[in-house]
Each structure stands twice: as C-alpha cells, then as structure tokens.
Amino acid sequence: MEGVMAGSDSPVVFEPIFKERIWGGHNLAASFGKKLPANKRIGESWEIVDRPEAQSIVREGPLAGRSLHDLWVNFREKLFGAVPDARRFPLLIKLLDAQEKLSLQVHPPPEIAESLGGEAKTEFWYVFAAEPNAEIFVGLRKSMTRDQFEDALHSGTVADCVHAIRMKNGDAMFLPSGRFHAIGAGNILVEVQQNSDTTYRVFDWNRVDDQGERRQLHVDQALQCIDFNDVAPEPITPSGELLVRHELFEVQKWSLDAQRAIAPLGQFAIVLCLTGALRCAGVDFTPGDFFLVPASLRERTIHPRGEGTSLLRVTIPV
C-alpha cells in the first residue's frame, strides 16, 4: 500500500501499446514523437486500456510496472474516486493514424451485443490533425430498409450509402453504437470509447493484405446492429468547453492560458496535452502525452508552459 500512497502524489503515466493496422502509417511518430516499431504500419496507439489481451502499464515512479487493472481492482477509491462499479476500467482511449480508409463498420448496441457474442461500443472522435479534404464517414445519406442496404451490398454500391463529412483540426464526432461509420484517409484522431473491441466490418474497399488476402467481414452481425434511420449526423457543436457528456464519459477541451485545477479533489481525470506544453505536480507534458490525475492527488493544478496550450479532459460522470 505504501507504493500506491506515494504513487498517488503525482500524475500516473502509462506506456502506450502500438497496434499494426493495414490502414496505418508512421504519423504518430512525426506528430507526437511516439517511438514506433520499425517497418510496421501503426494505426493505433492504445494509451489507456484495461482488457484481458491488452494492459496499460505504469511507466515510472512508485507505481511503475503495475497494470491499470491492478490499480482499478485494488486501489480504486484512492486513484479513481467515486465511480460507477465495473469489473474493468470502463474506457479505452487511443490515438489513431488513418493513412488509408478504415473499413465501413458498425459496433453493436447493448441490447444486441451479448446475443452476438460481442461487446457494446459507443465512442467519440476528436480530430487532432486532418489533411486537406480528409473525410469521415458516419451514418447513412438517407433512411433505408435493411433489404435496401443488403441490395446495395450485393450490387457493390454500399459505399455510396454512407454519409461523408469533411473534417478539420479540432472537429469532433459522437458515435453511438449502431452508427454505420469509417475513418477516412488523412486523419489523426483521438478516440475515447467504451471498453470494447467488437467491430463488425461490412465493406473493406476490396483491399488485400501482404499475402493477397481480403480481411474478414461480418455482414450478418452488422445487419443486426446498423441503425438504418441514422441519417446525415453532424459533427459536435461544442457547448463552451464541453464536447460531449454521455453516461459513459465526458470530454472537455480546455484552452489553457492560466493555471487551473483539473478536477475537484476526489475526482480523477485523464488529460491529453493537445498543443503547447503543460505541467502537473512538477511533471511536464507535451502534445500527445496522456496522464491520469488520481482522485487523491492534492497538487492537481495544471499549469500552461507557454502560449497556445490546450488539452482534452476525460472523466466518467457519477
């Protein structure tokens, strides 16, 4: 317990977990200084994760080497405060580098996920950087029946059914489970999502891997999940600093021109430095750095270290 007592006197920083993806690249190194493995197309950096197959590990300090699951199970109140009960830390937070389009896909709603052997997944995207004309694909262009959608699949025109939105730096999008979607090429995104890794791919642009094989699709499952009345959703219109408040997570964007407490004592927060530089409890952070401010951390003031400092603040509503 002594190590955890001491460890909660400073922000907690985890080692990222890099995921190779057919649509990935190397922009997470160029944009954030991530030390990516050589000769691999890295599409995802899992920054905060508590899953059986992937565990965030504390990088340094008295908690070094401990997993997020260990902290969640054994020291929840001290590090996370009063949060809804869950077997695992309920969020998964990533950086995504889409150098090519992702597959057109859907995540299952809670009322369907269990029957399909999957996990429900609602998520949020924040555009860190978008190339000129970069798009995301969300929802449908017009309402349609399941039969009409299946006809489009069989005729090879399903890509014409999805609603495309041109994005720019700082835009954000909420994606409830059941929303047909894909990330377009040329986007670097922050993703805050329900702790799930269930994706049902519908169409992968006839892409093949290094062995000439096409990726597996999950059309039958997807057809049970897609909301066919989800038409032309729009990006988030911020309400002041608030980008999204949902029962699963709340995300705010702060432009930090003066020091400020990240959250009340007794409440944890996850922080991503977006631009500029900032300091918390004597530790400096630069763009692309994530850290957890423990609920019991008394020195919880965030200090900007230069002009143009901004951050994302992620919490769990209670």
C-alpha atoms as a PDB file:
ATOM      1  CA  MET A   1       0.000   0.000   0.000  1.00  0.00           C
ATOM      2  CA  GLU A   2       2.876   2.407   0.674  1.00  0.00           C
ATOM      3  CA  GLY A   3       3.848   2.428  -3.014  1.00  0.00           C
ATOM      4  CA  VAL A   4       0.343   3.344  -4.047  1.00  0.00           C
ATOM      5  CA  MET A   5       0.120   6.011  -1.357  1.00  0.00           C
ATOM      6  CA  ALA A   6       3.299   7.568  -2.706  1.00  0.00           C
ATOM      7  CA  GLY A   7       2.309   6.973  -6.329  1.00  0.00           C
ATOM      8  CA  SER A   8      -0.882   8.960  -5.924  1.00  0.00           C
ATOM      9  CA  ASP A   9       1.199  12.054  -5.132  1.00  0.00           C
ATOM     10  CA  SER A  10       1.982  12.502  -8.829  1.00  0.00           C
ATOM     11  CA  PRO A  11       0.279  12.042 -12.201  1.00  0.00           C
ATOM     12  CA  VAL A  12       0.253   8.453 -13.488  1.00  0.00           C
ATOM     13  CA  VAL A  13       1.718   7.893 -16.960  1.00  0.00           C
ATOM     14  CA  PHE A  14       1.243   4.627 -18.852  1.00  0.00           C
ATOM     15  CA  GLU A  15       3.230   3.003 -21.644  1.00  0.00           C
ATOM     16  CA  PRO A  16       1.350   3.088 -24.969  1.00  0.00           C
ATOM     17  CA  ILE A  17       0.556  -0.139 -26.795  1.00  0.00           C
ATOM     18  CA  PHE A  18       1.041   0.091 -30.565  1.00  0.00           C
ATOM     19  CA  LYS A  19      -1.227  -1.817 -32.932  1.00  0.00           C
ATOM     20  CA  GLU A  20      -0.278  -2.631 -36.508  1.00  0.00           C
ATOM     21  CA  ARG A  21      -3.084  -1.973 -38.987  1.00  0.00           C
ATOM     22  CA  ILE A  22      -3.318  -2.322 -42.762  1.00  0.00           C
ATOM     23  CA  TRP A  23      -4.507   1.307 -42.935  1.00  0.00           C
ATOM     24  CA  GLY A  24      -1.887   2.732 -40.540  1.00  0.00           C
ATOM     25  CA  GLY A  25       1.386   4.588 -41.022  1.00  0.00           C
ATOM     26  CA  HIS A  26       4.078   6.457 -39.073  1.00  0.00           C
ATOM     27  CA  ASN A  27       2.434   9.779 -38.282  1.00  0.00           C
ATOM     28  CA  LEU A  28       2.200   9.059 -34.569  1.00  0.00           C
ATOM     29  CA  ALA A  29       5.993   9.339 -34.517  1.00  0.00           C
ATOM     30  CA  ALA A  30       6.058  12.526 -36.582  1.00  0.00           C
ATOM     31  CA  SER A  31       3.197  14.217 -34.710  1.00  0.00           C
ATOM     32  CA  PHE A  32       3.783  13.021 -31.149  1.00  0.00           C
ATOM     33  CA  GLY A  33       7.303  11.598 -31.015  1.00  0.00           C
ATOM     34  CA  LYS A  34       5.994   8.092 -30.344  1.00  0.00           C
ATOM     35  CA  LYS A  35       8.770   5.503 -30.603  1.00  0.00           C
ATOM     36  CA  LEU A  36       7.105   3.223 -33.119  1.00  0.00           C
ATOM     37  CA  PRO A  37       8.481  -0.171 -34.169  1.00  0.00           C
ATOM     38  CA  ALA A  38      10.378  -0.046 -37.439  1.00  0.00           C
ATOM     39  CA  ASN A  39       8.864  -1.226 -40.719  1.00  0.00           C
ATOM     40  CA  LYS A  40       5.343  -1.572 -39.336  1.00  0.00           C
ATOM     41  CA  ARG A  41       2.194   0.342 -40.243  1.00  0.00           C
ATOM     42  CA  ILE A  42       0.965   1.501 -36.856  1.00  0.00           C
ATOM     43  CA  GLY A  43      -2.665   2.539 -36.941  1.00  0.00           C
ATOM     44  CA  GLU A  44      -3.459   2.693 -33.239  1.00  0.00           C
ATOM     45  CA  SER A  45      -1.732   3.646 -30.028  1.00  0.00           C
ATOM     46  CA  TRP A  46      -3.728   2.302 -27.088  1.00  0.00           C
ATOM     47  CA  GLU A  47      -2.972   4.845 -24.364  1.00  0.00           C
ATOM     48  CA  ILE A  48      -5.398   3.811 -21.606  1.00  0.00           C
ATOM     49  CA  VAL A  49      -6.659   0.219 -21.682  1.00  0.00           C
ATOM     50  CA  ASP A  50      -7.742  -2.495 -19.266  1.00  0.00           C
ATOM     51  CA  ARG A  51      -8.528  -5.612 -21.286  1.00  0.00           C
ATOM     52  CA  PRO A  52      -7.543  -9.290 -20.945  1.00  0.00           C
ATOM     53  CA  GLU A  53      -5.463  -9.034 -24.131  1.00  0.00           C
ATOM     54  CA  ALA A  54      -4.019  -5.556 -23.523  1.00  0.00           C
ATOM     55  CA  GLN A  55      -2.981  -3.802 -20.316  1.00  0.00           C
ATOM     56  CA  SER A  56      -1.729  -0.293 -19.723  1.00  0.00           C
ATOM     57  CA  ILE A  57       1.404  -0.491 -17.544  1.00  0.00           C
ATOM     58  CA  VAL A  58       2.634   2.402 -15.417  1.00  0.00           C
ATOM     59  CA  ARG A  59       5.844   3.765 -16.937  1.00  0.00           C
ATOM     60  CA  GLU A  60       7.696   5.179 -13.922  1.00  0.00           C
ATOM     61  CA  GLY A  61       7.527   6.205 -10.294  1.00  0.00           C
ATOM     62  CA  PRO A  62       6.428   4.169  -7.258  1.00  0.00           C
ATOM     63  CA  LEU A  63       3.660   2.536  -9.305  1.00  0.00           C
ATOM     64  CA  ALA A  64       5.991   1.523 -12.169  1.00  0.00           C
ATOM     65  CA  GLY A  65       5.173  -1.898 -13.574  1.00  0.00           C
ATOM     66  CA  ARG A  66       1.656  -2.028 -12.179  1.00  0.00           C
ATOM     67  CA  SER A  67      -1.200  -2.618 -14.596  1.00  0.00           C
ATOM     68  CA  LEU A  68      -4.277  -0.457 -14.921  1.00  0.00           C
ATOM     69  CA  HIS A  69      -6.387  -3.461 -13.937  1.00  0.00           C
ATOM     70  CA  ASP A  70      -4.376  -3.871 -10.735  1.00  0.00           C
ATOM     71  CA  LEU A  71      -4.933  -0.217  -9.878  1.00  0.00           C
ATOM     72  CA  TRP A  72      -8.633  -0.411 -10.744  1.00  0.00           C
ATOM     73  CA  VAL A  73      -9.286  -3.529  -8.668  1.00  0.00           C
ATOM     74  CA  ASN A  74      -7.101  -2.869  -5.650  1.00  0.00           C
ATOM     75  CA  PHE A  75      -6.861   0.911  -5.268  1.00  0.00           C
ATOM     76  CA  ARG A  76      -9.994   2.188  -6.966  1.00  0.00           C
ATOM     77  CA  GLU A  77     -11.173   4.697  -4.392  1.00  0.00           C
ATOM     78  CA  LYS A  78      -7.789   6.353  -3.927  1.00  0.00           C
ATOM     79  CA  LEU A  79      -6.935   6.636  -7.608  1.00  0.00           C
ATOM     80  CA  PHE A  80     -10.374   6.911  -9.253  1.00  0.00           C
ATOM     81  CA  GLY A  81     -12.661   8.206  -6.509  1.00  0.00           C
ATOM     82  CA  ALA A  82     -16.401   7.590  -6.605  1.00  0.00           C
ATOM     83  CA  VAL A  83     -17.032   5.975  -9.967  1.00  0.00           C
ATOM     84  CA  PRO A  84     -19.659   3.517 -11.212  1.00  0.00           C
ATOM     85  CA  ASP A  85     -18.803  -0.066 -10.375  1.00  0.00           C
ATOM     86  CA  ALA A  86     -17.376  -2.134 -13.208  1.00  0.00           C
ATOM     87  CA  ARG A  87     -15.235  -5.241 -13.476  1.00  0.00           C
ATOM     88  CA  ARG A  88     -12.640  -3.341 -15.548  1.00  0.00           C
ATOM     89  CA  PHE A  89     -11.778   0.297 -16.088  1.00  0.00           C
ATOM     90  CA  PRO A  90     -14.689   1.224 -18.371  1.00  0.00           C
ATOM     91  CA  LEU A  91     -12.900   3.327 -21.006  1.00  0.00           C
ATOM     92  CA  LEU A  92     -10.408   2.643 -23.776  1.00  0.00           C
ATOM     93  CA  ILE A  93      -8.538   5.695 -25.101  1.00  0.00           C
ATOM     94  CA  LYS A  94      -6.498   5.665 -28.313  1.00  0.00           C
ATOM     95  CA  LEU A  95      -4.659   7.713 -30.886  1.00  0.00           C
ATOM     96  CA  LEU A  96      -5.464   6.690 -34.472  1.00  0.00           C
ATOM     97  CA  ASP A  97      -3.385   7.299 -37.603  1.00  0.00           C
ATOM     98  CA  ALA A  98      -5.525   6.604 -40.670  1.00  0.00           C
ATOM     99  CA  GLN A  99      -3.306   6.832 -43.737  1.00  0.00           C
ATOM    100  CA  GLU A 100      -5.903   4.872 -45.678  1.00  0.00           C
ATOM    101  CA  LYS A 101      -9.642   4.492 -45.199  1.00  0.00           C
ATOM    102  CA  LEU A 102     -10.818   2.136 -42.497  1.00  0.00           C
ATOM    103  CA  SER A 103     -13.453  -0.441 -43.343  1.00  0.00           C
ATOM    104  CA  LEU A 104     -17.107   0.564 -43.299  1.00  0.00           C
ATOM    105  CA  GLN A 105     -18.225  -0.910 -39.999  1.00  0.00           C
ATOM    106  CA  VAL A 106     -20.541  -0.820 -37.022  1.00  0.00           C
ATOM    107  CA  HIS A 107     -20.310  -1.537 -33.292  1.00  0.00           C
ATOM    108  CA  PRO A 108     -23.150  -3.397 -31.572  1.00  0.00           C
ATOM    109  CA  PRO A 109     -25.720  -1.709 -29.318  1.00  0.00           C
ATOM    110  CA  PRO A 110     -26.008  -3.144 -25.794  1.00  0.00           C
ATOM    111  CA  GLU A 111     -29.353  -4.822 -26.459  1.00  0.00           C
ATOM    112  CA  ILE A 112     -27.804  -6.841 -29.318  1.00  0.00           C
ATOM    113  CA  ALA A 113     -24.139  -7.262 -28.382  1.00  0.00           C
ATOM    114  CA  GLU A 114     -24.481 -10.148 -25.952  1.00  0.00           C
ATOM    115  CA  SER A 115     -26.583 -12.261 -28.323  1.00  0.00           C
ATOM    116  CA  LEU A 116     -23.841 -11.846 -30.953  1.00  0.00           C
ATOM    117  CA  GLY A 117     -21.065 -12.743 -28.549  1.00  0.00           C
ATOM    118  CA  GLY A 118     -19.639  -9.217 -28.629  1.00  0.00           C
ATOM    119  CA  GLU A 119     -19.387  -6.076 -26.513  1.00  0.00           C
ATOM    120  CA  ALA A 120     -21.359  -2.868 -26.929  1.00  0.00           C
ATOM    121  CA  LYS A 121     -19.311   0.096 -28.074  1.00  0.00           C
ATOM    122  CA  THR A 122     -20.076   3.811 -28.131  1.00  0.00           C
ATOM    123  CA  GLU A 123     -17.237   6.186 -28.990  1.00  0.00           C
ATOM    124  CA  PHE A 124     -16.104   9.762 -29.549  1.00  0.00           C
ATOM    125  CA  TRP A 125     -13.595  11.149 -32.064  1.00  0.00           C
ATOM    126  CA  TYR A 126     -11.546  14.324 -31.796  1.00  0.00           C
ATOM    127  CA  VAL A 127      -9.622  15.375 -34.901  1.00  0.00           C
ATOM    128  CA  PHE A 128      -6.070  16.189 -33.891  1.00  0.00           C
ATOM    129  CA  ALA A 129      -4.946  16.683 -37.484  1.00  0.00           C
ATOM    130  CA  ALA A 130      -6.683  16.321 -40.824  1.00  0.00           C
ATOM    131  CA  GLU A 131      -5.166  16.624 -44.257  1.00  0.00           C
ATOM    132  CA  PRO A 132      -6.960  18.890 -46.765  1.00  0.00           C
ATOM    133  CA  ASN A 133     -10.196  17.227 -47.924  1.00  0.00           C
ATOM    134  CA  ALA A 134      -9.958  14.464 -45.279  1.00  0.00           C
ATOM    135  CA  GLU A 135     -13.342  12.942 -44.501  1.00  0.00           C
ATOM    136  CA  ILE A 136     -15.066  10.733 -42.017  1.00  0.00           C
ATOM    137  CA  PHE A 137     -17.997   8.504 -42.887  1.00  0.00           C
ATOM    138  CA  VAL A 138     -20.883   8.481 -40.413  1.00  0.00           C
ATOM    139  CA  GLY A 139     -24.474   7.350 -40.687  1.00  0.00           C
ATOM    140  CA  LEU A 140     -26.404   6.989 -43.914  1.00  0.00           C
ATOM    141  CA  ARG A 141     -27.076   9.526 -46.639  1.00  0.00           C
ATOM    142  CA  LYS A 142     -30.786   8.709 -46.466  1.00  0.00           C
ATOM    143  CA  SER A 143     -33.039   6.429 -44.495  1.00  0.00           C
ATOM    144  CA  MET A 144     -33.295   2.938 -45.932  1.00  0.00           C
ATOM    145  CA  THR A 145     -34.533  -0.511 -45.060  1.00  0.00           C
ATOM    146  CA  ARG A 146     -32.336  -3.440 -44.235  1.00  0.00           C
ATOM    147  CA  ASP A 147     -33.332  -5.043 -47.530  1.00  0.00           C
ATOM    148  CA  GLN A 148     -32.303  -1.945 -49.472  1.00  0.00           C
ATOM    149  CA  PHE A 149     -28.959  -1.918 -47.668  1.00  0.00           C
ATOM    150  CA  GLU A 150     -28.415  -5.596 -48.491  1.00  0.00           C
ATOM    151  CA  ASP A 151     -29.197  -4.863 -52.137  1.00  0.00           C
ATOM    152  CA  ALA A 152     -26.502  -2.168 -52.095  1.00  0.00           C
ATOM    153  CA  LEU A 153     -24.054  -4.669 -50.629  1.00  0.00           C
ATOM    154  CA  HIS A 154     -24.779  -7.226 -53.321  1.00  0.00           C
ATOM    155  CA  SER A 155     -24.563  -4.639 -56.101  1.00  0.00           C
ATOM    156  CA  GLY A 156     -21.265  -3.232 -54.796  1.00  0.00           C
ATOM    157  CA  THR A 157     -22.687   0.236 -54.119  1.00  0.00           C
ATOM    158  CA  VAL A 158     -22.757   0.245 -50.321  1.00  0.00           C
ATOM    159  CA  ALA A 159     -20.040   2.923 -50.185  1.00  0.00           C
ATOM    160  CA  ASP A 160     -22.499   5.262 -51.906  1.00  0.00           C
ATOM    161  CA  CYS A 161     -24.919   4.883 -48.989  1.00  0.00           C
ATOM    162  CA  VAL A 162     -22.690   6.267 -46.230  1.00  0.00           C
ATOM    163  CA  HIS A 163     -22.762   9.949 -45.271  1.00  0.00           C
ATOM    164  CA  ALA A 164     -19.367  11.669 -45.731  1.00  0.00           C
ATOM    165  CA  ILE A 165     -18.251  14.750 -43.797  1.00  0.00           C
ATOM    166  CA  ARG A 166     -15.132  16.791 -44.494  1.00  0.00           C
ATOM    167  CA  MET A 167     -13.281  17.354 -41.220  1.00  0.00           C
ATOM    168  CA  LYS A 168     -10.698  19.842 -39.984  1.00  0.00           C
ATOM    169  CA  ASN A 169      -8.421  20.113 -36.980  1.00  0.00           C
ATOM    170  CA  GLY A 170     -10.403  20.424 -33.758  1.00  0.00           C
ATOM    171  CA  ASP A 171     -13.642  18.908 -35.065  1.00  0.00           C
ATOM    172  CA  ALA A 172     -15.321  16.198 -33.002  1.00  0.00           C
ATOM    173  CA  MET A 173     -17.908  13.484 -33.589  1.00  0.00           C
ATOM    174  CA  PHE A 174     -20.015  11.307 -31.311  1.00  0.00           C
ATOM    175  CA  LEU A 175     -20.686   7.765 -32.488  1.00  0.00           C
ATOM    176  CA  PRO A 176     -23.361   5.879 -30.585  1.00  0.00           C
ATOM    177  CA  SER A 177     -23.377   2.132 -31.006  1.00  0.00           C
ATOM    178  CA  GLY A 178     -25.278   1.154 -34.134  1.00  0.00           C
ATOM    179  CA  ARG A 179     -23.938   4.043 -36.228  1.00  0.00           C
ATOM    180  CA  PHE A 180     -22.519   2.919 -39.592  1.00  0.00           C
ATOM    181  CA  HIS A 181     -19.102   4.574 -39.941  1.00  0.00           C
ATOM    182  CA  ALA A 182     -15.471   4.647 -41.032  1.00  0.00           C
ATOM    183  CA  ILE A 183     -12.496   6.972 -40.689  1.00  0.00           C
ATOM    184  CA  GLY A 184     -11.289   8.380 -43.991  1.00  0.00           C
ATOM    185  CA  ALA A 185      -7.671   8.661 -45.102  1.00  0.00           C
ATOM    186  CA  GLY A 186      -5.568  11.537 -43.824  1.00  0.00           C
ATOM    187  CA  ASN A 187      -6.932  11.762 -40.276  1.00  0.00           C
ATOM    188  CA  ILE A 188      -5.138  11.596 -36.936  1.00  0.00           C
ATOM    189  CA  LEU A 189      -7.805  11.167 -34.273  1.00  0.00           C
ATOM    190  CA  VAL A 190      -8.163  10.850 -30.544  1.00  0.00           C
ATOM    191  CA  GLU A 191     -10.720   8.174 -29.710  1.00  0.00           C
ATOM    192  CA  VAL A 192     -12.477   7.869 -26.364  1.00  0.00           C
ATOM    193  CA  GLN A 193     -14.641   4.785 -26.249  1.00  0.00           C
ATOM    194  CA  GLN A 194     -16.425   2.255 -24.167  1.00  0.00           C
ATOM    195  CA  ASN A 195     -14.088  -0.564 -23.112  1.00  0.00           C
ATOM    196  CA  SER A 196     -14.834  -2.862 -26.034  1.00  0.00           C
ATOM    197  CA  ASP A 197     -13.026  -4.271 -29.047  1.00  0.00           C
ATOM    198  CA  THR A 198     -16.012  -5.534 -31.048  1.00  0.00           C
ATOM    199  CA  THR A 199     -16.213  -4.312 -34.639  1.00  0.00           C
ATOM    200  CA  TYR A 200     -18.354  -5.753 -37.427  1.00  0.00           C
ATOM    201  CA  ARG A 201     -16.864  -4.906 -40.834  1.00  0.00           C
ATOM    202  CA  VAL A 202     -19.270  -4.508 -43.726  1.00  0.00           C
ATOM    203  CA  PHE A 203     -17.043  -3.423 -46.616  1.00  0.00           C
ATOM    204  CA  ASP A 204     -13.248  -3.036 -46.807  1.00  0.00           C
ATOM    205  CA  TRP A 205     -12.872  -1.299 -50.172  1.00  0.00           C
ATOM    206  CA  ASN A 206     -11.788  -4.614 -51.796  1.00  0.00           C
ATOM    207  CA  ARG A 207      -8.422  -4.239 -50.029  1.00  0.00           C
ATOM    208  CA  VAL A 208      -5.963  -7.143 -49.653  1.00  0.00           C
ATOM    209  CA  ASP A 209      -3.099  -7.698 -47.213  1.00  0.00           C
ATOM    210  CA  ASP A 210       0.550  -8.545 -47.947  1.00  0.00           C
ATOM    211  CA  GLN A 211      -0.474 -12.131 -48.695  1.00  0.00           C
ATOM    212  CA  GLY A 212      -3.166 -11.063 -51.131  1.00  0.00           C
ATOM    213  CA  GLU A 213      -5.936 -11.988 -48.694  1.00  0.00           C
ATOM    214  CA  ARG A 214      -9.022  -9.894 -48.065  1.00  0.00           C
ATOM    215  CA  ARG A 215      -9.934  -9.061 -44.486  1.00  0.00           C
ATOM    216  CA  GLN A 216     -12.745 -10.934 -42.815  1.00  0.00           C
ATOM    217  CA  LEU A 217     -16.160  -9.282 -42.979  1.00  0.00           C
ATOM    218  CA  HIS A 218     -19.046  -9.674 -40.531  1.00  0.00           C
ATOM    219  CA  VAL A 219     -22.036  -8.760 -42.660  1.00  0.00           C
ATOM    220  CA  ASP A 220     -24.642 -10.917 -40.900  1.00  0.00           C
ATOM    221  CA  GLN A 221     -23.790  -9.461 -37.492  1.00  0.00           C
ATOM    222  CA  ALA A 222     -23.551  -5.919 -38.856  1.00  0.00           C
ATOM    223  CA  LEU A 223     -27.024  -6.076 -40.409  1.00  0.00           C
ATOM    224  CA  GLN A 224     -28.451  -6.756 -36.960  1.00  0.00           C
ATOM    225  CA  CYS A 225     -26.684  -3.715 -35.496  1.00  0.00           C
ATOM    226  CA  ILE A 226     -26.883  -0.880 -38.027  1.00  0.00           C
ATOM    227  CA  ASP A 227     -29.389   1.887 -37.339  1.00  0.00           C
ATOM    228  CA  PHE A 228     -30.891   2.319 -40.820  1.00  0.00           C
ATOM    229  CA  ASN A 229     -32.655   5.532 -39.745  1.00  0.00           C
ATOM    230  CA  ASP A 230     -29.437   7.247 -38.633  1.00  0.00           C
ATOM    231  CA  VAL A 231     -29.265   9.825 -41.405  1.00  0.00           C
ATOM    232  CA  ALA A 232     -26.636  12.548 -42.024  1.00  0.00           C
ATOM    233  CA  PRO A 233     -25.368  13.097 -38.465  1.00  0.00           C
ATOM    234  CA  GLU A 234     -23.337  16.257 -37.948  1.00  0.00           C
ATOM    235  CA  PRO A 235     -20.121  16.961 -36.054  1.00  0.00           C
ATOM    236  CA  ILE A 236     -20.397  18.074 -32.435  1.00  0.00           C
ATOM    237  CA  THR A 237     -21.171  21.720 -31.764  1.00  0.00           C
ATOM    238  CA  PRO A 238     -19.243  22.480 -28.545  1.00  0.00           C
ATOM    239  CA  SER A 239     -21.095  23.964 -25.604  1.00  0.00           C
ATOM    240  CA  GLY A 240     -18.357  26.152 -24.213  1.00  0.00           C
ATOM    241  CA  GLU A 241     -15.611  23.734 -23.200  1.00  0.00           C
ATOM    242  CA  LEU A 242     -17.905  20.710 -23.256  1.00  0.00           C
ATOM    243  CA  LEU A 243     -17.607  18.462 -26.293  1.00  0.00           C
ATOM    244  CA  VAL A 244     -19.682  15.512 -25.133  1.00  0.00           C
ATOM    245  CA  ARG A 245     -21.391  14.340 -21.970  1.00  0.00           C
ATOM    246  CA  HIS A 246     -22.696  10.777 -22.009  1.00  0.00           C
ATOM    247  CA  GLU A 247     -23.345   8.259 -19.260  1.00  0.00           C
ATOM    248  CA  LEU A 248     -20.073   6.527 -20.243  1.00  0.00           C
ATOM    249  CA  PHE A 249     -17.733   9.520 -20.474  1.00  0.00           C
ATOM    250  CA  GLU A 250     -17.440  13.285 -20.546  1.00  0.00           C
ATOM    251  CA  VAL A 251     -14.888  15.075 -22.731  1.00  0.00           C
ATOM    252  CA  GLN A 252     -13.972  18.740 -22.455  1.00  0.00           C
ATOM    253  CA  LYS A 253     -11.461  20.802 -24.406  1.00  0.00           C
ATOM    254  CA  TRP A 254      -9.615  23.488 -22.496  1.00  0.00           C
ATOM    255  CA  SER A 255      -7.586  26.336 -23.951  1.00  0.00           C
ATOM    256  CA  LEU A 256      -5.273  26.946 -21.030  1.00  0.00           C
ATOM    257  CA  ASP A 257      -3.972  30.488 -20.617  1.00  0.00           C
ATOM    258  CA  ALA A 258      -3.715  30.343 -16.814  1.00  0.00           C
ATOM    259  CA  GLN A 259      -3.268  27.659 -14.171  1.00  0.00           C
ATOM    260  CA  ARG A 260      -6.380  25.709 -13.279  1.00  0.00           C
ATOM    261  CA  ALA A 261      -7.415  22.704 -11.171  1.00  0.00           C
ATOM    262  CA  ILE A 262      -8.153  19.786 -13.491  1.00  0.00           C
ATOM    263  CA  ALA A 263     -10.973  18.418 -11.291  1.00  0.00           C
ATOM    264  CA  PRO A 264     -12.220  18.644  -7.710  1.00  0.00           C
ATOM    265  CA  LEU A 265     -10.324  16.645  -5.098  1.00  0.00           C
ATOM    266  CA  GLY A 266     -11.865  13.169  -5.024  1.00  0.00           C
ATOM    267  CA  GLN A 267     -12.438  13.034  -8.792  1.00  0.00           C
ATOM    268  CA  PHE A 268      -9.932  11.578 -11.260  1.00  0.00           C
ATOM    269  CA  ALA A 269      -9.314  12.908 -14.756  1.00  0.00           C
ATOM    270  CA  ILE A 270      -7.390  11.732 -17.796  1.00  0.00           C
ATOM    271  CA  VAL A 271      -5.584  14.520 -19.613  1.00  0.00           C
ATOM    272  CA  LEU A 272      -4.186  14.692 -23.142  1.00  0.00           C
ATOM    273  CA  CYS A 273      -1.916  17.601 -23.986  1.00  0.00           C
ATOM    274  CA  LEU A 274      -3.024  18.746 -27.451  1.00  0.00           C
ATOM    275  CA  THR A 275      -0.876  21.806 -28.117  1.00  0.00           C
ATOM    276  CA  GLY A 276       1.788  23.794 -26.308  1.00  0.00           C
ATOM    277  CA  ALA A 277       3.083  22.300 -23.066  1.00  0.00           C
ATOM    278  CA  LEU A 278       1.761  21.910 -19.541  1.00  0.00           C
ATOM    279  CA  ARG A 279       2.860  20.860 -16.076  1.00  0.00           C
ATOM    280  CA  CYS A 280       1.068  18.942 -13.334  1.00  0.00           C
ATOM    281  CA  ALA A 281       2.606  18.254  -9.910  1.00  0.00           C
ATOM    282  CA  GLY A 282       6.073  19.068 -11.211  1.00  0.00           C
ATOM    283  CA  VAL A 283       5.842  16.824 -14.282  1.00  0.00           C
ATOM    284  CA  ASP A 284       5.978  18.316 -17.785  1.00  0.00           C
ATOM    285  CA  PHE A 285       3.864  17.120 -20.714  1.00  0.00           C
ATOM    286  CA  THR A 286       3.897  17.895 -24.437  1.00  0.00           C
ATOM    287  CA  PRO A 287       1.483  17.146 -27.316  1.00  0.00           C
ATOM    288  CA  GLY A 288       0.436  13.506 -27.448  1.00  0.00           C
ATOM    289  CA  ASP A 289       1.152  12.872 -23.761  1.00  0.00           C
ATOM    290  CA  PHE A 290      -1.635  11.284 -21.724  1.00  0.00           C
ATOM    291  CA  PHE A 291      -1.683  11.163 -17.937  1.00  0.00           C
ATOM    292  CA  LEU A 292      -4.049  10.188 -15.149  1.00  0.00           C
ATOM    293  CA  VAL A 293      -4.621  12.646 -12.325  1.00  0.00           C
ATOM    294  CA  PRO A 294      -5.532  10.459  -9.317  1.00  0.00           C
ATOM    295  CA  ALA A 295      -8.616  11.374  -7.320  1.00  0.00           C
ATOM    296  CA  SER A 296      -6.479  11.811  -4.185  1.00  0.00           C
ATOM    297  CA  LEU A 297      -3.752  13.922  -5.794  1.00  0.00           C
ATOM    298  CA  ARG A 298      -3.669  17.196  -3.888  1.00  0.00           C
ATOM    299  CA  GLU A 299      -1.438  19.075  -6.313  1.00  0.00           C
ATOM    300  CA  ARG A 300      -3.965  18.912  -9.152  1.00  0.00           C
ATOM    301  CA  THR A 301      -3.394  22.277 -10.784  1.00  0.00           C
ATOM    302  CA  ILE A 302      -2.495  22.267 -14.479  1.00  0.00           C
ATOM    303  CA  HIS A 303      -0.017  24.969 -15.460  1.00  0.00           C
ATOM    304  CA  PRO A 304       0.435  26.097 -19.069  1.00  0.00           C
ATOM    305  CA  ARG A 305       4.124  26.223 -20.019  1.00  0.00           C
ATOM    306  CA  GLY A 306       3.726  28.514 -22.989  1.00  0.00           C
ATOM    307  CA  GLU A 307       1.231  30.212 -25.242  1.00  0.00           C
ATOM    308  CA  GLY A 308      -1.303  28.201 -27.196  1.00  0.00           C
ATOM    309  CA  THR A 309      -1.609  25.373 -24.675  1.00  0.00           C
ATOM    310  CA  SER A 310      -4.718  23.204 -24.976  1.00  0.00           C
ATOM    311  CA  LEU A 311      -5.836  19.864 -23.600  1.00  0.00           C
ATOM    312  CA  LEU A 312      -8.586  17.277 -23.611  1.00  0.00           C
ATOM    313  CA  ARG A 313     -10.028  16.339 -20.221  1.00  0.00           C
ATOM    314  CA  VAL A 314     -11.763  12.957 -19.936  1.00  0.00           C
ATOM    315  CA  THR A 315     -13.823  11.976 -16.917  1.00  0.00           C
ATOM    316  CA  ILE A 316     -16.551   9.486 -16.040  1.00  0.00           C
ATOM    317  CA  PRO A 317     -19.841  11.059 -14.879  1.00  0.00           C
ATOM    318  CA  VAL A 318     -21.031   9.984 -11.447  1.00  0.00           C
END
